[in-house]
Amino acid sequence: MPRKTTDKRVPVGKKIKKARTQKKITFDQLANETGFSVEYLRDIESGEQIPPVGALLQISRALELDSGYLLREQESQLKNRVKAYTKRTENYAYTTLTPGAENKHLKAFKVTVDPLQDHKGVGYQHEGEEFVYVLSGKLEIIVGDHVNKLKAGDSLHFNSGIRHMMKNTGEEKAELLVVIYGP
């Protein structure tokens, strides 16, 4: 008898596609609910893009899913694939500091951004609040139209419902603690 695959082994893109199609939500509808392009959403579902935490929070909210359902997959996937863990996207990696907090309002992460890199074409926006503390390096965190310049020891607390993105402006890897509160 073939062994049954657990839900945790299903790639996050396939979970998103399954939920989207079961709920009869089109790419256009999901794009309007999340603010992401249809192309980016297709890339996530196909596995060509591994979405960051903020994107998973937005998608899970739009699909009316428990965010833990998608975040658990990311943790499992990252632990099993060292390359994906250290190079989560082309220039951004994260590690959860609150394992088992899938159903909690508060989640914390250690984030690493490569030198002179930013998030390619994706701004984040998710209900709640975000707190960032810079451990090392130099960053710009753009919240709406406002540019915040941070260095080691600086922090920023902002409304994460406003579109935001991060850019490493320094010559060294930037490390930061990110705490996300979602209602």
C-alpha atoms as a PDB file:
ATOM      1  CA  MET A   1       0.000   0.000   0.000  1.00  0.00           C
ATOM      2  CA  PRO A   2       1.498   3.387  -0.964  1.00  0.00           C
ATOM      3  CA  ARG A   3       2.445   5.649   1.885  1.00  0.00           C
ATOM      4  CA  LYS A   4       0.110   8.607   2.322  1.00  0.00           C
ATOM      5  CA  THR A   5       1.782  11.977   1.839  1.00  0.00           C
ATOM      6  CA  THR A   6       1.253  14.371   4.711  1.00  0.00           C
ATOM      7  CA  ASP A   7       0.031  17.894   4.055  1.00  0.00           C
ATOM      8  CA  LYS A   8       3.356  19.285   5.298  1.00  0.00           C
ATOM      9  CA  ARG A   9       5.167  17.781   2.292  1.00  0.00           C
ATOM     10  CA  VAL A  10       3.010  19.563  -0.257  1.00  0.00           C
ATOM     11  CA  PRO A  11       4.862  22.604  -1.653  1.00  0.00           C
ATOM     12  CA  VAL A  12       3.380  25.937  -0.602  1.00  0.00           C
ATOM     13  CA  GLY A  13       2.547  26.900  -4.196  1.00  0.00           C
ATOM     14  CA  LYS A  14       0.455  23.769  -4.623  1.00  0.00           C
ATOM     15  CA  LYS A  15      -1.366  24.479  -1.350  1.00  0.00           C
ATOM     16  CA  ILE A  16      -2.176  27.979  -2.558  1.00  0.00           C
ATOM     17  CA  LYS A  17      -3.346  26.722  -5.950  1.00  0.00           C
ATOM     18  CA  LYS A  18      -5.525  24.045  -4.358  1.00  0.00           C
ATOM     19  CA  ALA A  19      -7.183  26.533  -1.999  1.00  0.00           C
ATOM     20  CA  ARG A  20      -7.646  29.104  -4.767  1.00  0.00           C
ATOM     21  CA  THR A  21      -9.202  26.659  -7.208  1.00  0.00           C
ATOM     22  CA  GLN A  22     -11.411  24.984  -4.575  1.00  0.00           C
ATOM     23  CA  LYS A  23     -12.793  28.392  -3.635  1.00  0.00           C
ATOM     24  CA  LYS A  24     -13.178  29.268  -7.339  1.00  0.00           C
ATOM     25  CA  ILE A  25     -11.026  32.371  -6.965  1.00  0.00           C
ATOM     26  CA  THR A  26      -9.398  33.604 -10.172  1.00  0.00           C
ATOM     27  CA  PHE A  27      -5.876  34.965 -10.426  1.00  0.00           C
ATOM     28  CA  ASP A  28      -7.388  38.386 -11.112  1.00  0.00           C
ATOM     29  CA  GLN A  29      -9.449  38.231  -7.927  1.00  0.00           C
ATOM     30  CA  LEU A  30      -6.460  37.103  -5.850  1.00  0.00           C
ATOM     31  CA  ALA A  31      -4.310  39.844  -7.409  1.00  0.00           C
ATOM     32  CA  ASN A  32      -6.905  42.450  -6.433  1.00  0.00           C
ATOM     33  CA  GLU A  33      -7.100  41.122  -2.870  1.00  0.00           C
ATOM     34  CA  THR A  34      -3.322  40.940  -2.334  1.00  0.00           C
ATOM     35  CA  GLY A  35      -1.934  43.668  -4.580  1.00  0.00           C
ATOM     36  CA  PHE A  36       0.411  41.165  -6.249  1.00  0.00           C
ATOM     37  CA  SER A  37       0.590  40.781 -10.017  1.00  0.00           C
ATOM     38  CA  VAL A  38      -1.028  37.789 -11.670  1.00  0.00           C
ATOM     39  CA  GLU A  39       2.427  36.846 -13.001  1.00  0.00           C
ATOM     40  CA  TYR A  40       3.910  36.788  -9.478  1.00  0.00           C
ATOM     41  CA  LEU A  41       1.003  34.683  -8.161  1.00  0.00           C
ATOM     42  CA  ARG A  42       1.413  32.210 -11.044  1.00  0.00           C
ATOM     43  CA  ASP A  43       5.135  31.978 -10.285  1.00  0.00           C
ATOM     44  CA  ILE A  44       4.353  31.201  -6.628  1.00  0.00           C
ATOM     45  CA  GLU A  45       1.857  28.489  -7.549  1.00  0.00           C
ATOM     46  CA  SER A  46       4.271  26.926 -10.046  1.00  0.00           C
ATOM     47  CA  GLY A  47       7.104  26.919  -7.493  1.00  0.00           C
ATOM     48  CA  GLU A  48       9.253  29.364  -9.474  1.00  0.00           C
ATOM     49  CA  GLN A  49       9.034  31.900  -6.633  1.00  0.00           C
ATOM     50  CA  ILE A  50       9.267  31.155  -2.923  1.00  0.00           C
ATOM     51  CA  PRO A  51       7.198  33.890  -1.296  1.00  0.00           C
ATOM     52  CA  PRO A  52       8.400  35.718   1.799  1.00  0.00           C
ATOM     53  CA  VAL A  53       6.419  35.726   5.039  1.00  0.00           C
ATOM     54  CA  GLY A  54       4.598  38.985   4.283  1.00  0.00           C
ATOM     55  CA  ALA A  55       3.341  37.617   0.970  1.00  0.00           C
ATOM     56  CA  LEU A  56       2.172  34.392   2.622  1.00  0.00           C
ATOM     57  CA  LEU A  57       0.267  36.404   5.222  1.00  0.00           C
ATOM     58  CA  GLN A  58      -1.475  38.412   2.489  1.00  0.00           C
ATOM     59  CA  ILE A  59      -2.318  35.352   0.405  1.00  0.00           C
ATOM     60  CA  SER A  60      -3.606  33.363   3.377  1.00  0.00           C
ATOM     61  CA  ARG A  61      -5.839  36.270   4.381  1.00  0.00           C
ATOM     62  CA  ALA A  62      -7.202  36.670   0.847  1.00  0.00           C
ATOM     63  CA  LEU A  63      -7.903  32.913   0.631  1.00  0.00           C
ATOM     64  CA  GLU A  64      -9.323  32.864   4.183  1.00  0.00           C
ATOM     65  CA  LEU A  65      -6.732  30.315   5.309  1.00  0.00           C
ATOM     66  CA  ASP A  66      -4.949  30.007   8.638  1.00  0.00           C
ATOM     67  CA  SER A  67      -1.538  31.532   7.885  1.00  0.00           C
ATOM     68  CA  GLY A  68       0.075  28.681   9.808  1.00  0.00           C
ATOM     69  CA  TYR A  69      -1.092  26.294   7.093  1.00  0.00           C
ATOM     70  CA  LEU A  70       1.254  28.034   4.653  1.00  0.00           C
ATOM     71  CA  LEU A  71       3.983  29.078   7.108  1.00  0.00           C
ATOM     72  CA  ARG A  72       4.472  25.520   8.409  1.00  0.00           C
ATOM     73  CA  GLU A  73       5.259  24.447   4.862  1.00  0.00           C
ATOM     74  CA  GLN A  74       7.858  27.160   4.511  1.00  0.00           C
ATOM     75  CA  GLU A  75       9.568  26.092   7.728  1.00  0.00           C
ATOM     76  CA  SER A  76       9.525  22.430   6.714  1.00  0.00           C
ATOM     77  CA  GLN A  77      10.691  23.221   3.208  1.00  0.00           C
ATOM     78  CA  LEU A  78      13.474  25.471   4.454  1.00  0.00           C
ATOM     79  CA  LYS A  79      14.754  22.950   6.981  1.00  0.00           C
ATOM     80  CA  ASN A  80      14.827  20.198   4.361  1.00  0.00           C
ATOM     81  CA  ARG A  81      16.472  22.283   1.666  1.00  0.00           C
ATOM     82  CA  VAL A  82      19.545  24.048   3.003  1.00  0.00           C
ATOM     83  CA  LYS A  83      20.020  26.033  -0.196  1.00  0.00           C
ATOM     84  CA  ALA A  84      16.454  27.359  -0.010  1.00  0.00           C
ATOM     85  CA  TYR A  85      17.015  28.144   3.650  1.00  0.00           C
ATOM     86  CA  THR A  86      20.046  30.295   3.015  1.00  0.00           C
ATOM     87  CA  LYS A  87      18.827  31.754  -0.276  1.00  0.00           C
ATOM     88  CA  ARG A  88      15.092  31.926   0.285  1.00  0.00           C
ATOM     89  CA  THR A  89      14.697  34.301  -2.601  1.00  0.00           C
ATOM     90  CA  GLU A  90      17.508  35.686  -4.686  1.00  0.00           C
ATOM     91  CA  ASN A  91      18.551  38.088  -1.929  1.00  0.00           C
ATOM     92  CA  TYR A  92      16.489  37.481   1.228  1.00  0.00           C
ATOM     93  CA  ALA A  93      16.464  34.722   3.857  1.00  0.00           C
ATOM     94  CA  TYR A  94      14.586  34.255   7.095  1.00  0.00           C
ATOM     95  CA  THR A  95      14.484  31.958  10.113  1.00  0.00           C
ATOM     96  CA  THR A  96      11.543  31.802  12.479  1.00  0.00           C
ATOM     97  CA  LEU A  97      12.250  32.662  16.107  1.00  0.00           C
ATOM     98  CA  THR A  98       8.769  31.585  17.222  1.00  0.00           C
ATOM     99  CA  PRO A  99       8.298  27.982  16.060  1.00  0.00           C
ATOM    100  CA  GLY A 100       4.865  26.654  16.869  1.00  0.00           C
ATOM    101  CA  ALA A 101       3.294  30.129  16.777  1.00  0.00           C
ATOM    102  CA  GLU A 102       1.258  29.426  13.646  1.00  0.00           C
ATOM    103  CA  ASN A 103      -2.027  30.242  15.359  1.00  0.00           C
ATOM    104  CA  LYS A 104      -0.687  33.161  17.375  1.00  0.00           C
ATOM    105  CA  HIS A 105      -0.968  36.853  16.579  1.00  0.00           C
ATOM    106  CA  LEU A 106       2.735  37.536  17.092  1.00  0.00           C
ATOM    107  CA  LYS A 107       5.513  36.008  14.982  1.00  0.00           C
ATOM    108  CA  ALA A 108       9.233  36.820  15.077  1.00  0.00           C
ATOM    109  CA  PHE A 109      11.923  36.203  12.458  1.00  0.00           C
ATOM    110  CA  LYS A 110      15.633  36.734  11.953  1.00  0.00           C
ATOM    111  CA  VAL A 111      16.035  38.151   8.450  1.00  0.00           C
ATOM    112  CA  THR A 112      19.179  38.421   6.339  1.00  0.00           C
ATOM    113  CA  VAL A 113      19.400  40.635   3.256  1.00  0.00           C
ATOM    114  CA  ASP A 114      22.409  40.394   0.947  1.00  0.00           C
ATOM    115  CA  PRO A 115      24.581  43.492   0.341  1.00  0.00           C
ATOM    116  CA  LEU A 116      23.181  46.162  -1.988  1.00  0.00           C
ATOM    117  CA  GLN A 117      19.994  44.154  -2.581  1.00  0.00           C
ATOM    118  CA  ASP A 118      16.292  44.771  -2.252  1.00  0.00           C
ATOM    119  CA  HIS A 119      13.081  42.832  -2.790  1.00  0.00           C
ATOM    120  CA  LYS A 120      12.657  42.512  -6.522  1.00  0.00           C
ATOM    121  CA  GLY A 121       9.385  44.057  -7.584  1.00  0.00           C
ATOM    122  CA  VAL A 122       7.420  43.058  -4.495  1.00  0.00           C
ATOM    123  CA  GLY A 123       6.178  45.448  -1.847  1.00  0.00           C
ATOM    124  CA  TYR A 124       4.674  43.884   1.240  1.00  0.00           C
ATOM    125  CA  GLN A 125       1.412  44.807   2.845  1.00  0.00           C
ATOM    126  CA  HIS A 126      -0.409  42.823   5.498  1.00  0.00           C
ATOM    127  CA  GLU A 127      -2.832  43.753   8.230  1.00  0.00           C
ATOM    128  CA  GLY A 128      -1.259  44.495  11.586  1.00  0.00           C
ATOM    129  CA  GLU A 129       1.977  45.989  12.851  1.00  0.00           C
ATOM    130  CA  GLU A 130       5.634  45.310  12.261  1.00  0.00           C
ATOM    131  CA  PHE A 131       8.715  45.970  14.387  1.00  0.00           C
ATOM    132  CA  VAL A 132      12.225  45.819  12.929  1.00  0.00           C
ATOM    133  CA  TYR A 133      15.483  45.886  14.911  1.00  0.00           C
ATOM    134  CA  VAL A 134      18.731  46.041  12.913  1.00  0.00           C
ATOM    135  CA  LEU A 135      21.437  43.722  14.275  1.00  0.00           C
ATOM    136  CA  SER A 136      24.030  44.597  11.624  1.00  0.00           C
ATOM    137  CA  GLY A 137      24.323  46.422   8.331  1.00  0.00           C
ATOM    138  CA  LYS A 138      22.496  49.364   6.786  1.00  0.00           C
ATOM    139  CA  LEU A 139      18.938  49.297   5.496  1.00  0.00           C
ATOM    140  CA  GLU A 140      16.292  51.432   3.954  1.00  0.00           C
ATOM    141  CA  ILE A 141      12.769  50.453   4.857  1.00  0.00           C
ATOM    142  CA  ILE A 142      10.260  52.246   2.687  1.00  0.00           C
ATOM    143  CA  VAL A 143       6.806  52.566   4.264  1.00  0.00           C
ATOM    144  CA  GLY A 144       4.414  54.083   1.741  1.00  0.00           C
ATOM    145  CA  ASP A 145       6.384  57.021   0.329  1.00  0.00           C
ATOM    146  CA  HIS A 146       8.565  57.510   3.416  1.00  0.00           C
ATOM    147  CA  VAL A 147      12.157  56.221   3.411  1.00  0.00           C
ATOM    148  CA  ASN A 148      13.563  55.166   6.807  1.00  0.00           C
ATOM    149  CA  LYS A 149      17.360  54.817   6.945  1.00  0.00           C
ATOM    150  CA  LEU A 150      18.475  52.370   9.632  1.00  0.00           C
ATOM    151  CA  LYS A 151      21.817  51.033  10.846  1.00  0.00           C
ATOM    152  CA  ALA A 152      22.868  48.536  13.534  1.00  0.00           C
ATOM    153  CA  GLY A 153      21.063  49.290  16.786  1.00  0.00           C
ATOM    154  CA  ASP A 154      18.212  51.224  15.130  1.00  0.00           C
ATOM    155  CA  SER A 155      14.590  50.097  15.187  1.00  0.00           C
ATOM    156  CA  LEU A 156      11.344  50.903  13.426  1.00  0.00           C
ATOM    157  CA  HIS A 157       7.722  50.222  14.356  1.00  0.00           C
ATOM    158  CA  PHE A 158       5.071  50.777  11.667  1.00  0.00           C
ATOM    159  CA  ASN A 159       1.613  49.923  10.387  1.00  0.00           C
ATOM    160  CA  SER A 160       2.224  46.911   8.135  1.00  0.00           C
ATOM    161  CA  GLY A 161      -1.081  47.588   6.361  1.00  0.00           C
ATOM    162  CA  ILE A 162       0.854  50.229   4.418  1.00  0.00           C
ATOM    163  CA  ARG A 163       2.856  48.860   1.489  1.00  0.00           C
ATOM    164  CA  HIS A 164       6.475  48.508   2.551  1.00  0.00           C
ATOM    165  CA  MET A 165       9.747  47.158   1.263  1.00  0.00           C
ATOM    166  CA  MET A 166      13.293  46.743   2.431  1.00  0.00           C
ATOM    167  CA  LYS A 167      16.631  47.446   0.782  1.00  0.00           C
ATOM    168  CA  ASN A 168      20.163  46.726   2.022  1.00  0.00           C
ATOM    169  CA  THR A 169      22.103  49.876   1.170  1.00  0.00           C
ATOM    170  CA  GLY A 170      25.390  48.683   2.663  1.00  0.00           C
ATOM    171  CA  GLU A 171      28.376  46.709   1.442  1.00  0.00           C
ATOM    172  CA  GLU A 172      27.814  43.963   4.046  1.00  0.00           C
ATOM    173  CA  LYS A 173      25.027  41.525   4.730  1.00  0.00           C
ATOM    174  CA  ALA A 174      22.278  43.073   6.869  1.00  0.00           C
ATOM    175  CA  GLU A 175      20.739  41.072   9.718  1.00  0.00           C
ATOM    176  CA  LEU A 176      17.614  42.120  11.511  1.00  0.00           C
ATOM    177  CA  LEU A 177      14.902  40.921  13.838  1.00  0.00           C
ATOM    178  CA  VAL A 178      11.391  41.334  12.490  1.00  0.00           C
ATOM    179  CA  VAL A 179       8.342  40.946  14.702  1.00  0.00           C
ATOM    180  CA  ILE A 180       4.967  40.831  12.982  1.00  0.00           C
ATOM    181  CA  TYR A 181       1.657  41.265  14.786  1.00  0.00           C
ATOM    182  CA  GLY A 182      -1.422  40.242  12.853  1.00  0.00           C
ATOM    183  CA  PRO A 183      -4.932  40.524  14.306  1.00  0.00           C
END
